[in-house]
PDB file of N, CA and C in Angstrom:
ATOM      1  N   MET A   1      10.402  -1.489  -8.956  1.00  0.00           N
ATOM      2  CA  MET A   1       8.977  -1.859  -8.906  1.00  0.00           C
ATOM      3  C   MET A   1       8.744  -2.675 -10.457  1.00  0.00           C
ATOM      4  N   ASN A   2       8.379  -3.675 -10.811  1.00  0.00           N
ATOM      5  CA  ASN A   2       8.211  -4.019 -12.492  1.00  0.00           C
ATOM      6  C   ASN A   2       6.790  -3.260 -13.172  1.00  0.00           C
ATOM      7  N   LYS A   3       6.653  -3.399 -14.141  1.00  0.00           N
ATOM      8  CA  LYS A   3       5.629  -3.197 -14.686  1.00  0.00           C
ATOM      9  C   LYS A   3       3.923  -3.333 -14.364  1.00  0.00           C
ATOM     10  N   SER A   4       4.296  -4.768 -14.411  1.00  0.00           N
ATOM     11  CA  SER A   4       3.040  -5.493 -13.565  1.00  0.00           C
ATOM     12  C   SER A   4       2.353  -5.261 -12.387  1.00  0.00           C
ATOM     13  N   VAL A   5       3.498  -4.649 -11.501  1.00  0.00           N
ATOM     14  CA  VAL A   5       2.830  -4.337  -9.935  1.00  0.00           C
ATOM     15  C   VAL A   5       2.600  -2.934 -10.377  1.00  0.00           C
ATOM     16  N   GLU A   6       3.064  -2.166 -11.414  1.00  0.00           N
ATOM     17  CA  GLU A   6       2.542  -0.882 -11.637  1.00  0.00           C
ATOM     18  C   GLU A   6       1.419  -0.696 -11.856  1.00  0.00           C
ATOM     19  N   ALA A   7       1.126  -1.644 -12.875  1.00  0.00           N
ATOM     20  CA  ALA A   7       0.008  -1.629 -13.163  1.00  0.00           C
ATOM     21  C   ALA A   7      -0.957  -1.724 -12.434  1.00  0.00           C
ATOM     22  N   LEU A   8      -1.189  -3.121 -11.579  1.00  0.00           N
ATOM     23  CA  LEU A   8      -1.829  -3.362 -10.515  1.00  0.00           C
ATOM     24  C   LEU A   8      -2.244  -2.313  -9.502  1.00  0.00           C
ATOM     25  N   LEU A   9      -1.257  -1.372  -9.224  1.00  0.00           N
ATOM     26  CA  LEU A   9      -1.178  -0.755  -8.132  1.00  0.00           C
ATOM     27  C   LEU A   9      -2.104   0.938  -8.984  1.00  0.00           C
ATOM     28  N   GLU A  10      -1.930   1.004 -10.149  1.00  0.00           N
ATOM     29  CA  GLU A  10      -2.751   2.111 -10.555  1.00  0.00           C
ATOM     30  C   GLU A  10      -4.177   1.817 -10.642  1.00  0.00           C
ATOM     31  N   SER A  11      -4.591   0.629 -11.024  1.00  0.00           N
ATOM     32  CA  SER A  11      -5.739   0.057 -11.022  1.00  0.00           C
ATOM     33  C   SER A  11      -6.301   0.122  -9.848  1.00  0.00           C
ATOM     34  N   PHE A  12      -5.723  -0.604  -8.818  1.00  0.00           N
ATOM     35  CA  PHE A  12      -6.662  -0.117  -7.527  1.00  0.00           C
ATOM     36  C   PHE A  12      -6.793   1.339  -6.894  1.00  0.00           C
ATOM     37  N   GLU A  13      -5.527   1.869  -7.311  1.00  0.00           N
ATOM     38  CA  GLU A  13      -5.931   3.309  -7.350  1.00  0.00           C
ATOM     39  C   GLU A  13      -7.438   4.085  -7.756  1.00  0.00           C
ATOM     40  N   ARG A  14      -7.966   3.310  -8.927  1.00  0.00           N
ATOM     41  CA  ARG A  14      -9.154   3.734  -9.683  1.00  0.00           C
ATOM     42  C   ARG A  14     -10.434   2.983  -8.828  1.00  0.00           C
ATOM     43  N   LEU A  15     -10.057   1.925  -7.688  1.00  0.00           N
ATOM     44  CA  LEU A  15     -11.106   1.990  -7.402  1.00  0.00           C
ATOM     45  C   LEU A  15     -12.052   2.268  -6.463  1.00  0.00           C
ATOM     46  N   PRO A  16     -13.280   1.962  -6.471  1.00  0.00           N
ATOM     47  CA  PRO A  16     -14.076   3.111  -4.968  1.00  0.00           C
ATOM     48  C   PRO A  16     -13.410   2.932  -4.134  1.00  0.00           C
ATOM     49  N   GLU A  17     -13.822   3.032  -3.237  1.00  0.00           N
ATOM     50  CA  GLU A  17     -13.264   3.195  -1.548  1.00  0.00           C
ATOM     51  C   GLU A  17     -13.398   1.304  -1.294  1.00  0.00           C
ATOM     52  N   GLU A  18     -14.666   0.823  -1.292  1.00  0.00           N
ATOM     53  CA  GLU A  18     -15.335  -0.519  -0.719  1.00  0.00           C
ATOM     54  C   GLU A  18     -14.702  -1.534  -1.507  1.00  0.00           C
ATOM     55  N   ALA A  19     -14.449  -1.562  -3.031  1.00  0.00           N
ATOM     56  CA  ALA A  19     -13.482  -2.356  -3.441  1.00  0.00           C
ATOM     57  C   ALA A  19     -11.984  -2.245  -3.352  1.00  0.00           C
ATOM     58  N   LYS A  20     -11.407  -1.273  -3.106  1.00  0.00           N
ATOM     59  CA  LYS A  20     -10.097  -0.939  -2.670  1.00  0.00           C
ATOM     60  C   LYS A  20     -10.456  -1.399  -1.362  1.00  0.00           C
ATOM     61  N   ARG A  21     -11.080  -1.672   0.032  1.00  0.00           N
ATOM     62  CA  ARG A  21     -10.815  -2.603   1.535  1.00  0.00           C
ATOM     63  C   ARG A  21     -10.668  -4.050   0.901  1.00  0.00           C
ATOM     64  N   GLU A  22     -11.722  -4.774   0.474  1.00  0.00           N
ATOM     65  CA  GLU A  22     -11.602  -5.553  -0.491  1.00  0.00           C
ATOM     66  C   GLU A  22     -10.704  -6.347  -0.871  1.00  0.00           C
ATOM     67  N   ALA A  23      -9.759  -5.888  -1.897  1.00  0.00           N
ATOM     68  CA  ALA A  23      -8.880  -5.899  -2.628  1.00  0.00           C
ATOM     69  C   ALA A  23      -7.775  -6.337  -1.599  1.00  0.00           C
ATOM     70  N   ALA A  24      -7.611  -4.977  -0.765  1.00  0.00           N
ATOM     71  CA  ALA A  24      -6.238  -4.968   0.517  1.00  0.00           C
ATOM     72  C   ALA A  24      -6.330  -6.234   1.327  1.00  0.00           C
ATOM     73  N   SER A  25      -7.654  -6.407   1.554  1.00  0.00           N
ATOM     74  CA  SER A  25      -8.078  -7.339   2.785  1.00  0.00           C
ATOM     75  C   SER A  25      -7.840  -8.618   1.777  1.00  0.00           C
ATOM     76  N   GLU A  26      -8.028  -9.208   0.482  1.00  0.00           N
ATOM     77  CA  GLU A  26      -7.948 -10.166  -0.078  1.00  0.00           C
ATOM     78  C   GLU A  26      -6.269 -10.122  -0.281  1.00  0.00           C
ATOM     79  N   ILE A  27      -5.365  -9.369  -0.097  1.00  0.00           N
ATOM     80  CA  ILE A  27      -4.176  -9.198  -0.796  1.00  0.00           C
ATOM     81  C   ILE A  27      -3.396  -9.533   0.737  1.00  0.00           C
ATOM     82  N   LEU A  28      -3.651  -9.259   1.375  1.00  0.00           N
ATOM     83  CA  LEU A  28      -3.345  -9.165   3.167  1.00  0.00           C
ATOM     84  C   LEU A  28      -2.921 -11.015   3.373  1.00  0.00           C
ATOM     85  N   ARG A  29      -4.717 -11.489   3.300  1.00  0.00           N
ATOM     86  CA  ARG A  29      -4.994 -12.863   3.361  1.00  0.00           C
ATOM     87  C   ARG A  29      -3.966 -13.733   2.522  1.00  0.00           C
ATOM     88  N   ARG A  30      -4.156 -13.924   1.706  1.00  0.00           N
ATOM     89  CA  ARG A  30      -2.896 -14.586   0.388  1.00  0.00           C
ATOM     90  C   ARG A  30      -1.717 -14.062   0.673  1.00  0.00           C
ATOM     91  N   SER A  31      -1.289 -12.923   1.439  1.00  0.00           N
ATOM     92  CA  SER A  31       0.346 -12.753   1.084  1.00  0.00           C
ATOM     93  C   SER A  31       0.729 -13.486   2.869  1.00  0.00           C
ATOM     94  N   ALA A  32      -0.022 -13.545   3.700  1.00  0.00           N
ATOM     95  CA  ALA A  32       0.090 -14.270   4.755  1.00  0.00           C
ATOM     96  C   ALA A  32       0.223 -15.664   5.051  1.00  0.00           C
ATOM     97  N   LYS A  33       0.703 -16.399   3.531  1.00  0.00           N
ATOM     98  CA  LYS A  33       1.394 -17.149   3.253  1.00  0.00           C
ATOM     99  C   LYS A  33       2.643 -17.470   2.961  1.00  0.00           C
ATOM    100  N   PHE A  34       3.629 -16.308   2.555  1.00  0.00           N
ATOM    101  CA  PHE A  34       4.185 -15.657   2.189  1.00  0.00           C
ATOM    102  C   PHE A  34       5.513 -16.635   3.956  1.00  0.00           C
ATOM    103  N   LYS A  35       6.564 -16.504   3.349  1.00  0.00           N
ATOM    104  CA  LYS A  35       7.726 -16.836   4.291  1.00  0.00           C
ATOM    105  C   LYS A  35       8.300 -15.734   3.955  1.00  0.00           C
ATOM    106  N   LEU A  36       8.459 -14.712   4.465  1.00  0.00           N
ATOM    107  CA  LEU A  36       9.256 -13.163   4.491  1.00  0.00           C
ATOM    108  C   LEU A  36      10.261 -12.842   6.121  1.00  0.00           C
ATOM    109  N   PRO A  37      11.519 -12.334   5.336  1.00  0.00           N
ATOM    110  CA  PRO A  37      12.422 -12.403   5.970  1.00  0.00           C
ATOM    111  C   PRO A  37      11.594 -10.879   6.747  1.00  0.00           C
ATOM    112  N   PRO A  38      12.858 -11.388   8.068  1.00  0.00           N
ATOM    113  CA  PRO A  38      11.941 -10.119   9.232  1.00  0.00           C
ATOM    114  C   PRO A  38      12.816  -8.601   8.708  1.00  0.00           C
ATOM    115  N   LEU A  39      11.487  -7.530   8.593  1.00  0.00           N
ATOM    116  CA  LEU A  39      12.290  -6.053   8.017  1.00  0.00           C
ATOM    117  C   LEU A  39      13.524  -5.225   8.658  1.00  0.00           C
ATOM    118  N   ASP A  40      14.313  -4.740   8.249  1.00  0.00           N
ATOM    119  CA  ASP A  40      15.329  -4.224   9.117  1.00  0.00           C
ATOM    120  C   ASP A  40      14.744  -2.810   9.449  1.00  0.00           C
ATOM    121  N   GLU A  41      15.331  -2.034  10.370  1.00  0.00           N
ATOM    122  CA  GLU A  41      14.551  -1.085  11.189  1.00  0.00           C
ATOM    123  C   GLU A  41      14.424   0.347   9.542  1.00  0.00           C
ATOM    124  N   ASP A  42      15.786   0.135   8.709  1.00  0.00           N
ATOM    125  CA  ASP A  42      15.256   1.495   7.761  1.00  0.00           C
ATOM    126  C   ASP A  42      14.739   1.330   7.002  1.00  0.00           C
ATOM    127  N   THR A  43      13.915  -0.059   6.563  1.00  0.00           N
ATOM    128  CA  THR A  43      12.917  -0.545   5.522  1.00  0.00           C
ATOM    129  C   THR A  43      11.475  -0.062   6.577  1.00  0.00           C
ATOM    130  N   LEU A  44      11.396   0.030   7.682  1.00  0.00           N
ATOM    131  CA  LEU A  44      10.545   0.237   8.220  1.00  0.00           C
ATOM    132  C   LEU A  44      10.450   1.514   8.839  1.00  0.00           C
ATOM    133  N   VAL A  45      11.583   2.356   8.441  1.00  0.00           N
ATOM    134  CA  VAL A  45      11.391   3.650   8.700  1.00  0.00           C
ATOM    135  C   VAL A  45      11.178   4.062   7.642  1.00  0.00           C
ATOM    136  N   GLU A  46      11.687   3.827   6.427  1.00  0.00           N
ATOM    137  CA  GLU A  46      11.307   4.683   4.992  1.00  0.00           C
ATOM    138  C   GLU A  46       9.605   4.115   4.694  1.00  0.00           C
ATOM    139  N   ALA A  47       9.233   3.025   5.033  1.00  0.00           N
ATOM    140  CA  ALA A  47       7.707   2.459   4.892  1.00  0.00           C
ATOM    141  C   ALA A  47       6.807   3.608   5.644  1.00  0.00           C
ATOM    142  N   ALA A  48       6.980   3.976   6.932  1.00  0.00           N
ATOM    143  CA  ALA A  48       6.567   4.784   7.723  1.00  0.00           C
ATOM    144  C   ALA A  48       6.749   6.138   6.992  1.00  0.00           C
ATOM    145  N   ASP A  49       7.850   6.847   6.791  1.00  0.00           N
ATOM    146  CA  ASP A  49       7.895   8.249   6.064  1.00  0.00           C
ATOM    147  C   ASP A  49       6.747   7.920   4.730  1.00  0.00           C
ATOM    148  N   SER A  50       7.044   7.316   3.926  1.00  0.00           N
ATOM    149  CA  SER A  50       6.244   7.209   3.381  1.00  0.00           C
ATOM    150  C   SER A  50       4.543   7.519   3.216  1.00  0.00           C
ATOM    151  N   VAL A  51       4.100   6.419   4.195  1.00  0.00           N
ATOM    152  CA  VAL A  51       2.543   6.449   4.705  1.00  0.00           C
ATOM    153  C   VAL A  51       2.348   8.414   4.832  1.00  0.00           C
ATOM    154  N   PHE A  52       3.432   8.615   6.012  1.00  0.00           N
ATOM    155  CA  PHE A  52       3.178  10.265   6.299  1.00  0.00           C
ATOM    156  C   PHE A  52       3.171  11.101   5.348  1.00  0.00           C
ATOM    157  N   LEU A  53       3.654  10.994   4.320  1.00  0.00           N
ATOM    158  CA  LEU A  53       3.415  11.828   3.384  1.00  0.00           C
ATOM    159  C   LEU A  53       2.540  11.866   2.488  1.00  0.00           C
ATOM    160  N   GLU A  54       2.155  10.278   2.573  1.00  0.00           N
ATOM    161  CA  GLU A  54       0.745  10.314   2.010  1.00  0.00           C
ATOM    162  C   GLU A  54      -0.230  10.816   2.742  1.00  0.00           C
ATOM    163  N   LEU A  55      -0.511  10.706   4.008  1.00  0.00           N
ATOM    164  CA  LEU A  55      -1.307  11.619   4.527  1.00  0.00           C
ATOM    165  C   LEU A  55      -1.432  12.403   4.726  1.00  0.00           C
ATOM    166  N   ASP A  56      -0.652  13.180   4.821  1.00  0.00           N
ATOM    167  CA  ASP A  56      -0.499  15.126   5.017  1.00  0.00           C
ATOM    168  C   ASP A  56      -0.801  15.146   3.645  1.00  0.00           C
ATOM    169  N   LYS A  57      -0.402  14.544   2.446  1.00  0.00           N
ATOM    170  CA  LYS A  57      -0.773  15.063   0.721  1.00  0.00           C
ATOM    171  C   LYS A  57      -2.497  15.110   0.803  1.00  0.00           C
ATOM    172  N   GLU A  58      -2.757  13.951   1.483  1.00  0.00           N
ATOM    173  CA  GLU A  58      -4.344  13.841   1.433  1.00  0.00           C
ATOM    174  C   GLU A  58      -5.423  14.859   2.144  1.00  0.00           C
ATOM    175  N   GLU A  59      -4.415  15.357   3.828  1.00  0.00           N
ATOM    176  CA  GLU A  59      -5.277  15.896   4.141  1.00  0.00           C
ATOM    177  C   GLU A  59      -5.620  17.350   3.619  1.00  0.00           C
ATOM    178  N   SER A  60      -3.957  17.683   2.796  1.00  0.00           N
ATOM    179  CA  SER A  60      -4.181  19.122   2.415  1.00  0.00           C
ATOM    180  C   SER A  60      -5.389  19.183   1.425  1.00  0.00           C
ATOM    181  N   LYS A  61      -5.219  17.875   0.511  1.00  0.00           N
ATOM    182  CA  LYS A  61      -6.601  17.918  -0.408  1.00  0.00           C
ATOM    183  C   LYS A  61      -7.982  18.088   0.303  1.00  0.00           C
ATOM    184  N   HIS A  62      -7.955  18.082   1.173  1.00  0.00           N
ATOM    185  CA  HIS A  62      -9.502  18.006   2.323  1.00  0.00           C
ATOM    186  C   HIS A  62      -9.720  19.069   3.458  1.00  0.00           C
ATOM    187  N   GLY A  63      -8.263  19.759   3.516  1.00  0.00           N
ATOM    188  CA  GLY A  63      -8.413  20.342   4.746  1.00  0.00           C
ATOM    189  C   GLY A  63      -8.096  21.818   4.196  1.00  0.00           C
TER     190      GLY A  63
END
Protein backbone atom coordinates (compact mmCIF):
# COMPACT_ATOMS: atom_id res chain seq x y z
CA MET A 1 0.00 0.00 0.00
CA ASN A 2 1.47 3.36 -0.94
CA LYS A 3 1.96 6.26 1.48
CA SER A 4 -0.95 8.29 0.10
CA VAL A 5 -3.40 5.46 0.71
CA GLU A 6 -1.99 4.88 4.20
CA ALA A 7 -2.40 8.58 5.03
CA LEU A 8 -5.96 8.56 3.70
CA LEU A 9 -6.89 5.54 5.80
CA GLU A 10 -5.29 7.01 8.92
CA SER A 11 -7.29 10.20 8.40
CA PHE A 12 -10.44 8.15 7.85
CA GLU A 13 -9.92 6.35 11.18
CA ARG A 14 -9.79 9.69 13.02
CA LEU A 15 -13.18 10.80 11.67
CA PRO A 16 -16.35 10.66 13.79
CA GLU A 17 -18.67 7.75 12.94
CA GLU A 18 -21.13 9.83 10.88
CA ALA A 19 -18.30 11.28 8.77
CA LYS A 20 -16.87 7.76 8.27
CA ARG A 21 -20.24 6.58 6.92
CA GLU A 22 -20.44 9.59 4.61
CA ALA A 23 -16.88 9.07 3.33
CA ALA A 24 -17.38 5.32 2.85
CA SER A 25 -20.61 5.90 0.95
CA GLU A 26 -18.92 8.40 -1.37
CA ILE A 27 -15.92 6.12 -1.96
CA LEU A 28 -18.23 3.22 -2.81
CA ARG A 29 -20.25 5.42 -5.17
CA ARG A 30 -17.10 6.54 -6.98
CA SER A 31 -15.58 3.04 -6.98
CA ALA A 32 -18.60 1.58 -8.76
CA LYS A 33 -17.26 3.16 -11.95
CA PHE A 34 -14.06 1.06 -11.94
CA LYS A 35 -13.74 -1.98 -14.16
CA LEU A 36 -12.29 -4.45 -11.67
CA PRO A 37 -11.40 -8.10 -12.31
CA PRO A 38 -13.35 -10.69 -10.32
CA LEU A 39 -11.85 -11.56 -6.94
CA ASP A 40 -10.42 -15.02 -6.49
CA GLU A 41 -11.39 -17.20 -3.55
CA ASP A 42 -8.08 -16.69 -1.69
CA THR A 43 -8.52 -12.90 -1.80
CA LEU A 44 -12.07 -13.16 -0.49
CA VAL A 45 -11.03 -15.50 2.35
CA GLU A 46 -8.17 -13.16 3.29
CA ALA A 47 -10.53 -10.17 3.36
CA ALA A 48 -13.08 -12.08 5.48
CA ASP A 49 -10.36 -13.13 7.94
CA SER A 50 -9.24 -9.53 8.26
CA VAL A 51 -12.79 -8.32 8.93
CA PHE A 52 -13.42 -10.99 11.56
CA LEU A 53 -10.12 -10.26 13.32
CA GLU A 54 -11.00 -6.57 13.44
CA LEU A 55 -14.47 -7.35 14.81
CA ASP A 56 -12.94 -9.56 17.50
CA LYS A 57 -10.61 -6.71 18.52
CA GLU A 58 -13.52 -4.28 18.74
CA GLU A 59 -15.63 -6.71 20.77
CA SER A 60 -12.81 -7.32 23.24
CA LYS A 61 -12.42 -3.55 23.74
CA HIS A 62 -16.11 -3.07 24.52
CA GLY A 63 -17.06 -6.30 26.18
